[in-house]
N, C-alpha and C. Protein backbone atom coordinates (compact mmCIF):
# COMPACT_ATOMS: atom_id res chain seq x y z
N MET A 1 160.02 117.16 97.25
CA MET A 1 159.37 116.56 96.03
C MET A 1 158.26 117.48 95.43
N ALA A 2 158.29 117.57 94.06
CA ALA A 2 157.27 118.31 93.41
C ALA A 2 155.95 117.77 93.72
N ALA A 3 154.94 118.25 93.61
CA ALA A 3 153.52 117.71 93.66
C ALA A 3 153.43 116.32 92.57
N LEU A 4 152.65 115.46 93.01
CA LEU A 4 152.67 114.27 92.21
C LEU A 4 151.07 113.93 91.90
N ILE A 5 150.91 113.99 90.53
CA ILE A 5 149.62 113.76 90.14
C ILE A 5 149.61 112.47 89.35
N LEU A 6 148.74 111.55 89.50
CA LEU A 6 148.69 110.21 88.75
C LEU A 6 147.50 110.34 87.96
N HIS A 7 147.67 110.46 86.55
CA HIS A 7 146.67 110.33 85.68
C HIS A 7 146.41 108.99 85.23
N GLU A 8 145.09 108.40 85.59
CA GLU A 8 145.04 106.98 85.65
C GLU A 8 143.53 106.58 85.30
N TYR A 9 143.39 105.27 85.07
CA TYR A 9 142.15 104.51 84.97
C TYR A 9 142.27 103.38 86.14
N ALA A 10 141.68 103.69 87.24
CA ALA A 10 141.90 103.02 88.48
C ALA A 10 142.04 101.29 88.46
N ARG A 11 141.12 100.81 87.48
CA ARG A 11 141.18 99.38 87.38
C ARG A 11 142.34 98.81 86.63
N SER A 12 143.08 99.71 86.11
CA SER A 12 144.25 99.10 85.25
C SER A 12 145.46 98.72 86.37
N GLY A 13 146.04 97.56 86.06
CA GLY A 13 147.10 97.15 86.82
C GLY A 13 148.28 98.00 86.71
N ASN A 14 148.63 98.60 85.67
CA ASN A 14 149.65 99.37 85.45
C ASN A 14 149.57 100.67 86.18
N CYS A 15 148.35 101.06 86.53
CA CYS A 15 148.19 102.29 87.35
C CYS A 15 148.20 101.80 88.96
N TYR A 16 147.64 100.61 89.30
CA TYR A 16 147.71 100.15 90.51
C TYR A 16 149.16 100.11 90.98
N LYS A 17 150.21 99.68 90.15
CA LYS A 17 151.60 99.41 90.56
C LYS A 17 152.20 100.81 90.93
N ILE A 18 151.76 101.76 90.29
CA ILE A 18 152.28 103.12 90.63
C ILE A 18 151.75 103.46 92.08
N ARG A 19 150.41 103.23 92.25
CA ARG A 19 149.82 103.51 93.60
C ARG A 19 150.61 102.79 94.67
N LEU A 20 150.90 101.41 94.39
CA LEU A 20 151.31 100.52 95.35
C LEU A 20 152.79 101.01 95.61
N THR A 21 153.61 101.35 94.64
CA THR A 21 154.99 101.92 94.84
C THR A 21 154.90 103.25 95.81
N ALA A 22 153.94 104.16 95.49
CA ALA A 22 153.77 105.27 96.28
C ALA A 22 153.50 105.07 97.82
N ALA A 23 152.61 104.06 97.89
CA ALA A 23 152.33 103.60 99.27
C ALA A 23 153.50 103.02 100.18
N HIS A 24 154.35 102.24 99.48
CA HIS A 24 155.55 101.71 99.96
C HIS A 24 156.67 102.60 100.45
N VAL A 25 156.61 103.89 99.64
CA VAL A 25 157.67 104.88 99.83
C VAL A 25 157.20 105.98 100.66
N GLY A 26 155.88 106.14 100.77
CA GLY A 26 155.18 107.09 101.53
C GLY A 26 154.97 108.48 100.78
N ALA A 27 154.83 108.20 99.55
CA ALA A 27 154.55 109.30 98.56
C ALA A 27 153.15 109.61 98.29
N ALA A 28 152.76 110.83 98.62
CA ALA A 28 151.27 111.27 98.36
C ALA A 28 151.08 111.48 96.98
N LEU A 29 149.95 110.93 96.40
CA LEU A 29 149.51 111.22 94.98
C LEU A 29 148.22 111.69 95.16
N GLU A 30 148.03 112.78 94.19
CA GLU A 30 146.65 113.16 93.80
C GLU A 30 146.46 112.41 92.70
N ARG A 31 145.05 111.93 92.46
CA ARG A 31 144.61 110.96 91.38
C ARG A 31 143.60 111.57 90.46
N ARG A 32 143.78 111.47 89.25
CA ARG A 32 142.85 111.94 88.27
C ARG A 32 142.34 110.87 87.41
N GLU A 33 141.14 110.61 87.27
CA GLU A 33 140.61 109.25 86.69
C GLU A 33 140.14 109.83 85.22
N TYR A 34 140.35 108.81 84.27
CA TYR A 34 140.00 108.89 82.91
C TYR A 34 139.32 107.54 82.65
N ASP A 35 138.15 107.63 81.78
CA ASP A 35 137.65 106.37 81.41
C ASP A 35 138.22 106.04 80.03
N ILE A 36 139.00 104.98 79.95
CA ILE A 36 139.55 104.53 78.72
C ILE A 36 138.41 103.93 77.80
N MET A 37 137.33 103.33 78.37
CA MET A 37 136.37 102.80 77.54
C MET A 37 135.43 103.92 76.91
N LYS A 38 135.52 105.29 77.33
CA LYS A 38 135.09 106.56 76.71
C LYS A 38 135.95 107.17 75.86
N GLY A 39 137.11 106.69 75.71
CA GLY A 39 138.11 107.48 74.88
C GLY A 39 138.62 108.68 75.63
N GLU A 40 138.74 108.95 76.81
CA GLU A 40 139.09 109.99 77.39
C GLU A 40 140.46 110.33 77.46
N THR A 41 141.31 109.33 77.09
CA THR A 41 142.69 109.63 77.00
C THR A 41 143.06 109.86 75.59
N ARG A 42 142.23 109.76 74.67
CA ARG A 42 142.37 110.22 73.27
C ARG A 42 141.77 111.52 72.85
N THR A 43 141.40 112.13 73.76
CA THR A 43 141.00 113.55 73.45
C THR A 43 142.14 114.64 73.09
N PRO A 44 141.81 115.62 72.25
CA PRO A 44 142.88 116.39 72.01
C PRO A 44 143.69 117.09 73.27
N GLU A 45 142.77 117.39 74.34
CA GLU A 45 143.47 118.00 75.35
C GLU A 45 144.38 117.04 76.02
N TYR A 46 143.99 115.85 76.25
CA TYR A 46 144.82 114.80 76.95
C TYR A 46 146.11 114.60 76.05
N LEU A 47 145.89 114.37 74.94
CA LEU A 47 147.11 114.10 73.95
C LEU A 47 148.24 115.28 74.01
N ALA A 48 147.59 116.47 74.13
CA ALA A 48 148.44 117.70 74.02
C ALA A 48 148.93 118.00 75.48
N ALA A 49 148.44 117.67 76.46
CA ALA A 49 148.86 118.30 77.84
C ALA A 49 149.15 117.24 78.67
N VAL A 50 148.93 115.85 78.50
CA VAL A 50 149.36 114.68 79.51
C VAL A 50 150.21 113.68 78.70
N ASN A 51 149.86 113.03 77.76
CA ASN A 51 150.53 112.06 77.06
C ASN A 51 150.19 111.90 75.63
N ALA A 52 150.99 112.30 74.70
CA ALA A 52 151.03 112.22 73.45
C ALA A 52 150.67 111.04 72.79
N ASN A 53 151.00 109.89 73.51
CA ASN A 53 150.76 108.47 73.19
C ASN A 53 149.26 107.92 73.49
N GLY A 54 148.48 108.74 74.12
CA GLY A 54 147.24 108.62 74.50
C GLY A 54 147.00 107.38 75.52
N ARG A 55 147.79 107.07 76.35
CA ARG A 55 147.73 106.08 77.38
C ARG A 55 147.80 106.54 78.78
N ILE A 56 147.28 105.61 79.62
CA ILE A 56 147.61 105.69 80.98
C ILE A 56 148.37 104.63 81.54
N PRO A 57 148.95 104.70 82.59
CA PRO A 57 149.17 105.73 83.31
C PRO A 57 150.06 106.79 83.02
N THR A 58 150.02 107.84 83.50
CA THR A 58 151.08 109.06 83.39
C THR A 58 151.27 109.69 84.75
N LEU A 59 152.44 109.81 85.26
CA LEU A 59 152.68 110.34 86.48
C LEU A 59 153.19 111.73 86.16
N GLN A 60 152.50 112.71 86.80
CA GLN A 60 152.81 114.12 86.46
C GLN A 60 153.73 114.46 87.68
N VAL A 61 154.79 115.16 87.52
CA VAL A 61 155.79 115.53 88.58
C VAL A 61 155.89 116.95 88.38
N GLY A 62 155.19 117.79 89.35
CA GLY A 62 155.16 119.28 89.09
C GLY A 62 154.56 119.71 87.62
N GLU A 63 155.29 120.16 86.85
CA GLU A 63 154.93 120.50 85.46
C GLU A 63 155.55 119.64 84.26
N ARG A 64 156.19 118.48 84.97
CA ARG A 64 156.60 117.65 83.94
C ARG A 64 155.84 116.23 83.87
N PHE A 65 155.66 115.44 82.78
CA PHE A 65 154.97 114.20 82.73
C PHE A 65 155.86 113.18 82.37
N LEU A 66 155.56 111.89 83.10
CA LEU A 66 156.39 110.80 82.88
C LEU A 66 155.44 109.64 82.64
N PRO A 67 155.36 109.14 81.43
CA PRO A 67 154.52 108.07 80.93
C PRO A 67 155.28 106.87 81.30
N GLU A 68 154.52 105.60 81.03
CA GLU A 68 155.09 104.34 81.20
C GLU A 68 155.16 103.96 82.69
N SER A 69 154.49 102.88 83.07
CA SER A 69 154.17 102.68 84.45
C SER A 69 155.52 102.20 85.26
N ASN A 70 156.26 101.35 84.70
CA ASN A 70 157.60 101.02 85.41
C ASN A 70 158.55 102.19 85.31
N ALA A 71 158.56 103.15 84.60
CA ALA A 71 159.56 104.36 84.61
C ALA A 71 158.95 105.17 85.77
N ALA A 72 157.53 105.32 85.97
CA ALA A 72 156.93 105.96 86.92
C ALA A 72 157.37 105.37 88.35
N CYS A 73 157.28 103.95 88.40
CA CYS A 73 157.64 103.31 89.67
C CYS A 73 159.03 103.61 89.97
N PHE A 74 159.94 103.51 89.02
CA PHE A 74 161.39 103.67 89.37
C PHE A 74 161.66 105.10 89.85
N TYR A 75 160.95 106.28 89.19
CA TYR A 75 161.19 107.42 89.90
C TYR A 75 160.69 107.52 91.12
N LEU A 76 159.55 107.14 91.74
CA LEU A 76 159.16 107.05 92.98
C LEU A 76 159.98 106.30 93.99
N ALA A 77 160.57 105.16 93.40
CA ALA A 77 161.33 104.44 94.46
C ALA A 77 162.72 104.76 94.48
N GLU A 78 163.22 105.68 93.66
CA GLU A 78 164.69 106.13 93.61
C GLU A 78 165.14 106.45 95.19
N GLY A 79 166.15 105.83 95.55
CA GLY A 79 166.73 106.29 96.95
C GLY A 79 166.00 105.33 98.02
N SER A 80 165.17 104.58 97.76
CA SER A 80 164.46 103.69 98.67
C SER A 80 164.98 102.27 98.70
N ALA A 81 164.67 101.47 99.67
CA ALA A 81 165.06 99.87 99.82
C ALA A 81 164.52 99.25 98.62
N LEU A 82 163.49 99.85 97.96
CA LEU A 82 162.80 98.90 96.77
C LEU A 82 163.90 98.97 95.54
N ILE A 83 164.87 99.65 95.60
CA ILE A 83 165.85 99.42 94.42
C ILE A 83 167.09 99.08 95.19
N PRO A 84 167.64 97.95 94.74
CA PRO A 84 168.97 97.36 95.29
C PRO A 84 170.04 98.40 94.96
N ALA A 85 170.96 98.35 95.92
CA ALA A 85 172.19 99.31 95.67
C ALA A 85 173.34 98.53 94.70
N ASP A 86 173.38 97.31 94.95
CA ASP A 86 174.36 96.42 94.11
C ASP A 86 173.93 96.68 92.63
N PRO A 87 174.83 97.01 91.72
CA PRO A 87 174.59 97.27 90.43
C PRO A 87 174.02 95.94 89.58
N PHE A 88 174.37 95.09 90.00
CA PHE A 88 174.11 93.70 89.17
C PHE A 88 172.40 93.51 89.55
N GLU A 89 172.34 93.67 90.93
CA GLU A 89 171.01 93.41 91.53
C GLU A 89 170.06 94.41 90.91
N GLN A 90 170.42 95.64 90.81
CA GLN A 90 169.52 96.62 90.37
C GLN A 90 169.27 96.35 88.77
N ALA A 91 170.21 95.86 88.02
CA ALA A 91 170.00 95.51 86.55
C ALA A 91 169.13 94.32 86.62
N ASP A 92 169.22 93.40 87.38
CA ASP A 92 168.43 92.23 87.51
C ASP A 92 166.85 92.59 87.72
N MET A 93 166.73 93.66 88.56
CA MET A 93 165.45 94.07 88.94
C MET A 93 164.80 94.71 87.61
N LEU A 94 165.65 95.59 87.03
CA LEU A 94 165.08 96.27 85.75
C LEU A 94 164.84 95.06 84.73
N ARG A 95 165.68 93.99 84.67
CA ARG A 95 165.33 92.97 83.68
C ARG A 95 163.84 92.34 83.93
N TRP A 96 163.53 92.07 85.15
CA TRP A 96 162.16 91.62 85.45
C TRP A 96 160.97 92.55 85.13
N MET A 97 161.44 93.80 85.44
CA MET A 97 160.45 94.97 84.99
C MET A 97 160.22 95.12 83.32
N PHE A 98 161.47 94.89 82.66
CA PHE A 98 161.16 94.83 81.30
C PHE A 98 160.47 93.61 80.81
N TRP A 99 160.87 92.42 81.33
CA TRP A 99 160.16 91.42 81.05
C TRP A 99 158.55 91.33 81.17
N GLU A 100 158.20 91.99 82.31
CA GLU A 100 156.74 92.22 82.84
C GLU A 100 156.04 92.79 81.74
N GLN A 101 156.78 93.86 81.23
CA GLN A 101 156.00 94.62 80.00
C GLN A 101 156.18 93.96 78.64
N TYR A 102 156.97 93.02 78.45
CA TYR A 102 157.20 92.44 77.17
C TYR A 102 156.63 91.16 77.03
N ASN A 103 156.80 90.34 78.13
CA ASN A 103 156.36 88.88 77.96
C ASN A 103 155.00 88.75 78.86
N HIS A 104 154.81 89.32 80.01
CA HIS A 104 153.80 89.03 80.85
C HIS A 104 152.64 89.93 80.72
N GLU A 105 152.63 91.06 80.74
CA GLU A 105 151.53 92.08 80.61
C GLU A 105 150.76 91.88 79.32
N PRO A 106 151.55 91.85 78.03
CA PRO A 106 150.72 91.79 76.93
C PRO A 106 149.88 90.40 76.92
N ASN A 107 150.08 89.56 77.65
CA ASN A 107 149.35 88.38 77.51
C ASN A 107 148.22 88.23 78.58
N VAL A 108 148.86 88.18 79.79
CA VAL A 108 148.03 88.19 81.19
C VAL A 108 146.98 89.15 81.24
N ALA A 109 147.63 90.50 80.97
CA ALA A 109 146.73 91.58 81.35
C ALA A 109 145.73 91.72 80.03
N THR A 110 146.06 91.35 78.91
CA THR A 110 145.35 91.67 77.64
C THR A 110 144.07 90.51 77.80
N LEU A 111 144.31 89.40 78.33
CA LEU A 111 143.07 88.48 78.34
C LEU A 111 142.26 88.83 79.44
N ARG A 112 142.79 89.58 80.66
CA ARG A 112 141.93 90.01 81.65
C ARG A 112 141.11 91.20 81.05
N PHE A 113 141.66 92.03 80.16
CA PHE A 113 140.77 93.01 79.53
C PHE A 113 139.95 92.53 78.50
N TRP A 114 140.17 91.47 77.73
CA TRP A 114 139.24 90.82 76.87
C TRP A 114 138.08 90.42 77.47
N HIS A 115 138.44 89.62 78.60
CA HIS A 115 137.22 88.79 79.23
C HIS A 115 136.43 89.81 80.11
N GLY A 116 137.02 90.67 80.79
CA GLY A 116 136.35 91.55 81.64
C GLY A 116 135.65 92.76 81.10
N TRP A 117 136.25 93.16 80.12
CA TRP A 117 135.72 94.58 79.51
C TRP A 117 135.03 94.24 78.12
N ILE A 118 135.44 93.43 77.37
CA ILE A 118 134.92 93.16 76.01
C ILE A 118 133.94 92.09 76.00
N GLY A 119 134.45 90.95 76.74
CA GLY A 119 133.27 89.75 76.83
C GLY A 119 133.60 88.65 75.64
N GLU A 120 133.56 87.52 75.91
CA GLU A 120 134.10 86.41 74.93
C GLU A 120 132.92 86.55 73.88
N ALA A 121 131.76 86.84 74.10
CA ALA A 121 130.58 86.82 73.17
C ALA A 121 130.89 87.96 72.11
N ASN A 122 131.76 88.96 72.54
CA ASN A 122 131.78 90.21 71.54
C ASN A 122 133.25 90.16 70.99
N PHE A 123 134.06 89.13 71.02
CA PHE A 123 135.35 88.80 70.53
C PHE A 123 135.25 89.09 68.99
N SER A 124 136.40 89.92 68.53
CA SER A 124 136.42 90.01 67.06
C SER A 124 137.06 88.73 66.43
N ASP A 125 136.99 88.67 65.30
CA ASP A 125 137.69 87.56 64.60
C ASP A 125 139.19 87.47 64.92
N LEU A 126 139.74 88.64 65.04
CA LEU A 126 141.12 88.73 65.23
C LEU A 126 141.42 88.24 66.83
N GLN A 127 140.67 88.70 67.75
CA GLN A 127 140.65 88.34 69.08
C GLN A 127 140.56 86.83 69.41
N LYS A 128 139.48 86.22 68.43
CA LYS A 128 139.37 84.82 68.57
C LYS A 128 140.58 84.11 68.09
N THR A 129 141.13 84.62 66.98
CA THR A 129 142.44 83.77 66.45
C THR A 129 143.71 84.08 67.57
N LEU A 130 143.75 85.25 68.24
CA LEU A 130 144.72 85.56 69.02
C LEU A 130 144.62 84.93 70.51
N HIS A 131 143.35 84.59 70.61
CA HIS A 131 143.22 84.35 72.25
C HIS A 131 144.02 82.97 72.65
N PRO A 132 143.99 81.96 71.96
CA PRO A 132 144.73 80.85 72.29
C PRO A 132 146.35 81.05 72.29
N VAL A 133 146.73 82.08 71.50
CA VAL A 133 148.08 82.28 71.51
C VAL A 133 148.58 83.05 72.61
N LYS A 134 147.87 83.91 73.09
CA LYS A 134 148.00 84.82 74.28
C LYS A 134 147.87 83.88 75.53
N ARG A 135 146.96 82.96 75.28
CA ARG A 135 146.56 82.04 76.57
C ARG A 135 147.97 81.28 76.79
N GLU A 136 148.41 80.70 75.74
CA GLU A 136 149.64 79.98 75.88
C GLU A 136 150.80 80.76 76.28
N ALA A 137 150.93 81.97 75.85
CA ALA A 137 152.11 82.84 76.18
C ALA A 137 152.02 83.20 77.71
N GLY A 138 150.62 83.66 77.98
CA GLY A 138 150.58 83.82 79.41
C GLY A 138 150.87 82.92 80.33
N ALA A 139 150.32 81.61 80.11
CA ALA A 139 150.65 80.42 80.83
C ALA A 139 152.11 80.21 80.95
N ALA A 140 152.87 80.50 79.93
CA ALA A 140 154.39 80.26 79.96
C ALA A 140 155.05 81.38 80.89
N ALA A 141 154.53 82.46 80.89
CA ALA A 141 154.96 83.60 81.70
C ALA A 141 154.70 83.24 83.05
N LEU A 142 153.69 82.68 83.53
CA LEU A 142 153.37 82.33 84.90
C LEU A 142 154.01 81.26 85.42
N LYS A 143 154.32 80.24 84.39
CA LYS A 143 154.95 79.08 84.77
C LYS A 143 156.67 79.48 84.87
N LEU A 144 157.09 80.36 84.25
CA LEU A 144 158.45 80.84 84.34
C LEU A 144 158.56 81.61 85.83
N MET A 145 157.54 82.28 86.12
CA MET A 145 157.76 82.93 87.42
C MET A 145 157.57 81.92 88.53
N ASP A 146 156.65 80.98 88.39
CA ASP A 146 156.67 79.64 89.36
C ASP A 146 157.97 79.01 89.57
N ASP A 147 158.66 78.60 88.32
CA ASP A 147 159.95 77.96 88.41
C ASP A 147 160.89 78.99 89.14
N HIS A 148 160.83 80.08 88.79
CA HIS A 148 161.94 81.10 89.47
C HIS A 148 161.64 81.11 90.93
N LEU A 149 160.41 81.33 91.41
CA LEU A 149 159.96 81.20 92.83
C LEU A 149 160.09 80.07 93.52
N ALA A 150 160.41 78.84 92.93
CA ALA A 150 160.36 77.70 93.77
C ALA A 150 161.55 77.64 94.74
N ALA A 151 162.64 78.41 94.34
CA ALA A 151 163.86 78.46 95.28
C ALA A 151 164.18 79.69 95.92
N ARG A 152 163.10 80.63 95.89
CA ARG A 152 163.31 81.99 96.49
C ARG A 152 161.98 82.59 96.90
N ASP A 153 162.13 83.49 97.81
CA ASP A 153 160.87 84.29 98.20
C ASP A 153 160.42 85.37 97.46
N PHE A 154 161.45 86.16 96.80
CA PHE A 154 161.13 87.24 95.89
C PHE A 154 162.03 87.17 94.56
N PHE A 155 161.80 88.09 93.85
CA PHE A 155 162.43 87.88 92.41
C PHE A 155 163.85 88.23 92.42
N VAL A 156 164.32 89.23 93.24
CA VAL A 156 165.69 89.73 93.10
C VAL A 156 166.12 89.99 94.61
N ALA A 157 167.44 89.82 94.62
CA ALA A 157 168.28 90.28 95.83
C ALA A 157 167.59 89.45 97.06
N GLY A 158 166.83 88.40 96.97
CA GLY A 158 166.58 87.99 98.32
C GLY A 158 165.52 88.71 99.20
N ARG A 159 164.93 89.69 98.53
CA ARG A 159 164.03 90.59 99.28
C ARG A 159 163.02 91.33 98.38
N PHE A 160 162.01 91.99 99.10
CA PHE A 160 161.20 92.76 98.32
C PHE A 160 161.70 93.81 97.57
N THR A 161 161.42 94.05 96.27
CA THR A 161 161.96 95.03 95.54
C THR A 161 160.90 95.54 94.45
N LEU A 162 161.21 96.45 93.71
CA LEU A 162 160.45 96.90 92.72
C LEU A 162 159.91 96.04 91.74
N ALA A 163 160.84 94.95 91.49
CA ALA A 163 160.47 93.80 90.42
C ALA A 163 159.15 93.31 91.07
N ASP A 164 158.99 92.83 92.37
CA ASP A 164 157.84 92.51 92.95
C ASP A 164 156.66 93.15 92.63
N ILE A 165 156.86 94.44 92.91
CA ILE A 165 155.61 95.36 92.73
C ILE A 165 155.25 95.37 91.12
N ALA A 166 156.35 95.41 90.27
CA ALA A 166 155.87 95.57 88.85
C ALA A 166 155.04 94.29 88.48
N LEU A 167 155.52 93.05 89.01
CA LEU A 167 154.91 91.83 88.67
C LEU A 167 153.51 91.51 89.43
N TYR A 168 153.18 92.14 90.45
CA TYR A 168 152.10 91.96 91.25
C TYR A 168 150.72 92.15 90.79
N PRO A 169 150.44 93.21 90.29
CA PRO A 169 149.08 93.56 90.14
C PRO A 169 148.30 92.64 88.91
N TYR A 170 149.02 92.48 87.95
CA TYR A 170 148.38 91.55 86.91
C TYR A 170 148.46 90.18 87.18
N THR A 171 149.66 89.68 87.89
CA THR A 171 149.59 88.36 88.47
C THR A 171 148.30 87.99 89.40
N ALA A 172 148.34 88.85 90.29
CA ALA A 172 147.09 88.81 91.27
C ALA A 172 145.70 88.75 90.57
N ALA A 173 145.56 89.51 89.53
CA ALA A 173 144.34 89.47 88.88
C ALA A 173 144.28 88.39 87.60
N CYS A 174 145.18 87.55 87.44
CA CYS A 174 145.17 86.70 86.35
C CYS A 174 144.01 85.73 86.00
N GLU A 175 143.34 85.48 87.13
CA GLU A 175 142.21 84.64 87.15
C GLU A 175 141.21 85.31 86.26
N GLU A 176 141.04 86.48 86.30
CA GLU A 176 140.04 87.33 85.48
C GLU A 176 140.34 87.22 83.97
N GLY A 177 141.53 86.65 83.70
CA GLY A 177 141.77 86.49 82.33
C GLY A 177 141.65 84.83 81.97
N GLY A 178 141.21 84.16 82.71
CA GLY A 178 141.10 82.67 82.46
C GLY A 178 142.00 81.95 82.99
N PHE A 179 143.23 82.33 83.71
CA PHE A 179 144.33 81.55 84.30
C PHE A 179 143.87 81.08 85.59
N ARG A 180 144.56 79.95 85.92
CA ARG A 180 144.22 79.29 87.53
C ARG A 180 145.63 79.43 88.19
N LEU A 181 145.46 80.39 89.39
CA LEU A 181 146.61 80.44 90.23
C LEU A 181 147.01 79.21 90.87
N ALA A 182 145.98 78.29 91.00
CA ALA A 182 146.39 76.90 91.77
C ALA A 182 147.28 76.13 90.97
N ASP A 183 147.46 76.51 89.61
CA ASP A 183 148.43 75.76 88.76
C ASP A 183 149.82 76.30 89.17
N TYR A 184 149.89 77.40 89.89
CA TYR A 184 151.27 78.06 90.26
C TYR A 184 151.52 78.35 91.70
N PRO A 185 151.58 77.27 92.47
CA PRO A 185 151.74 77.27 93.90
C PRO A 185 152.79 78.24 94.38
N HIS A 186 154.00 78.19 93.85
CA HIS A 186 155.00 79.26 94.32
C HIS A 186 154.61 80.61 93.96
N VAL A 187 153.93 80.97 93.00
CA VAL A 187 153.29 82.10 92.65
C VAL A 187 152.43 82.46 93.63
N GLN A 188 151.41 81.70 94.06
CA GLN A 188 150.49 81.78 95.04
C GLN A 188 151.10 82.30 96.35
N ALA A 189 152.13 81.62 96.76
CA ALA A 189 152.85 81.75 97.90
C ALA A 189 153.46 83.29 97.93
N TRP A 190 154.02 83.55 96.75
CA TRP A 190 154.75 84.84 96.63
C TRP A 190 153.85 86.03 96.61
N LEU A 191 152.55 85.83 96.14
CA LEU A 191 151.57 86.82 96.27
C LEU A 191 151.17 86.90 97.68
N ALA A 192 151.13 86.10 98.42
CA ALA A 192 150.85 86.26 99.83
C ALA A 192 152.04 87.04 100.73
N ARG A 193 153.12 86.72 100.18
CA ARG A 193 154.28 87.31 100.79
C ARG A 193 154.20 88.85 100.42
N VAL A 194 153.94 89.19 99.27
CA VAL A 194 153.90 90.57 98.87
C VAL A 194 152.82 91.26 99.65
N GLU A 195 151.58 90.61 99.64
CA GLU A 195 150.47 91.21 100.52
C GLU A 195 150.87 91.41 101.89
N ALA A 196 151.57 90.75 102.60
CA ALA A 196 151.92 90.86 103.86
C ALA A 196 153.03 92.03 104.20
N GLN A 197 153.56 92.51 103.19
CA GLN A 197 154.60 93.57 103.33
C GLN A 197 154.01 94.92 103.94
N PRO A 198 154.77 95.49 104.76
CA PRO A 198 154.09 96.75 105.59
C PRO A 198 153.91 97.81 104.31
N GLY A 199 152.81 98.33 104.44
CA GLY A 199 152.54 99.42 103.45
C GLY A 199 151.77 99.02 102.28
N HIS A 200 151.51 97.79 102.17
CA HIS A 200 150.70 97.18 100.99
C HIS A 200 149.37 97.68 101.10
N VAL A 201 148.80 98.14 99.90
CA VAL A 201 147.38 98.58 99.56
C VAL A 201 146.76 97.69 98.68
N ARG A 202 145.62 97.49 98.69
CA ARG A 202 144.88 96.74 97.74
C ARG A 202 144.43 97.61 96.41
N ALA A 203 144.02 97.07 95.33
CA ALA A 203 143.80 97.68 94.17
C ALA A 203 142.67 98.63 94.33
N GLU A 204 141.81 98.34 95.06
CA GLU A 204 140.52 99.28 95.13
C GLU A 204 140.73 100.38 96.28
N GLU A 205 141.98 100.32 96.80
CA GLU A 205 142.06 101.36 97.82
C GLU A 205 142.65 102.85 97.23
């Protein structure tokens, strides 16, 4: 495999999920840190050389660049047990990964960022307006997860897959955005099962 470089902001859950995938498949990553609060992913150099969308994470594979966290996770996990062989189960895994980016991350992760990086006292008028909307949508996403996990240990195929990795980081950190994990006991149990998997690494590692 070509050399792998992760262009990241380490506190980001989207970056963490790539590191977590790499840990589970035994892939070595070189890590390059960018401070998003200082605009380091918006410089002309970054936009031209790494990601024209000005975002992190971006996984560099040799001389090629792969933006979007779940695409990078899928690349790293290809051929491993993290991706089910059955076509329906693989599509179902992707379904949860798409859902994570469309329904979960824009609400749960956004409130984490607003509370932890901006601070409620500094909310703009737009953020004050959107906060209850995102709070309700994030709670709905966590409840959907909790209901799904009431009858199963993992999201897809009856075992630990890439779907679990994609959903883990921002769910584990949801209380930083004002949600209560105690309200979602099946999610809490699932988090413990994910953390018990061989190869699991913490966000700060």
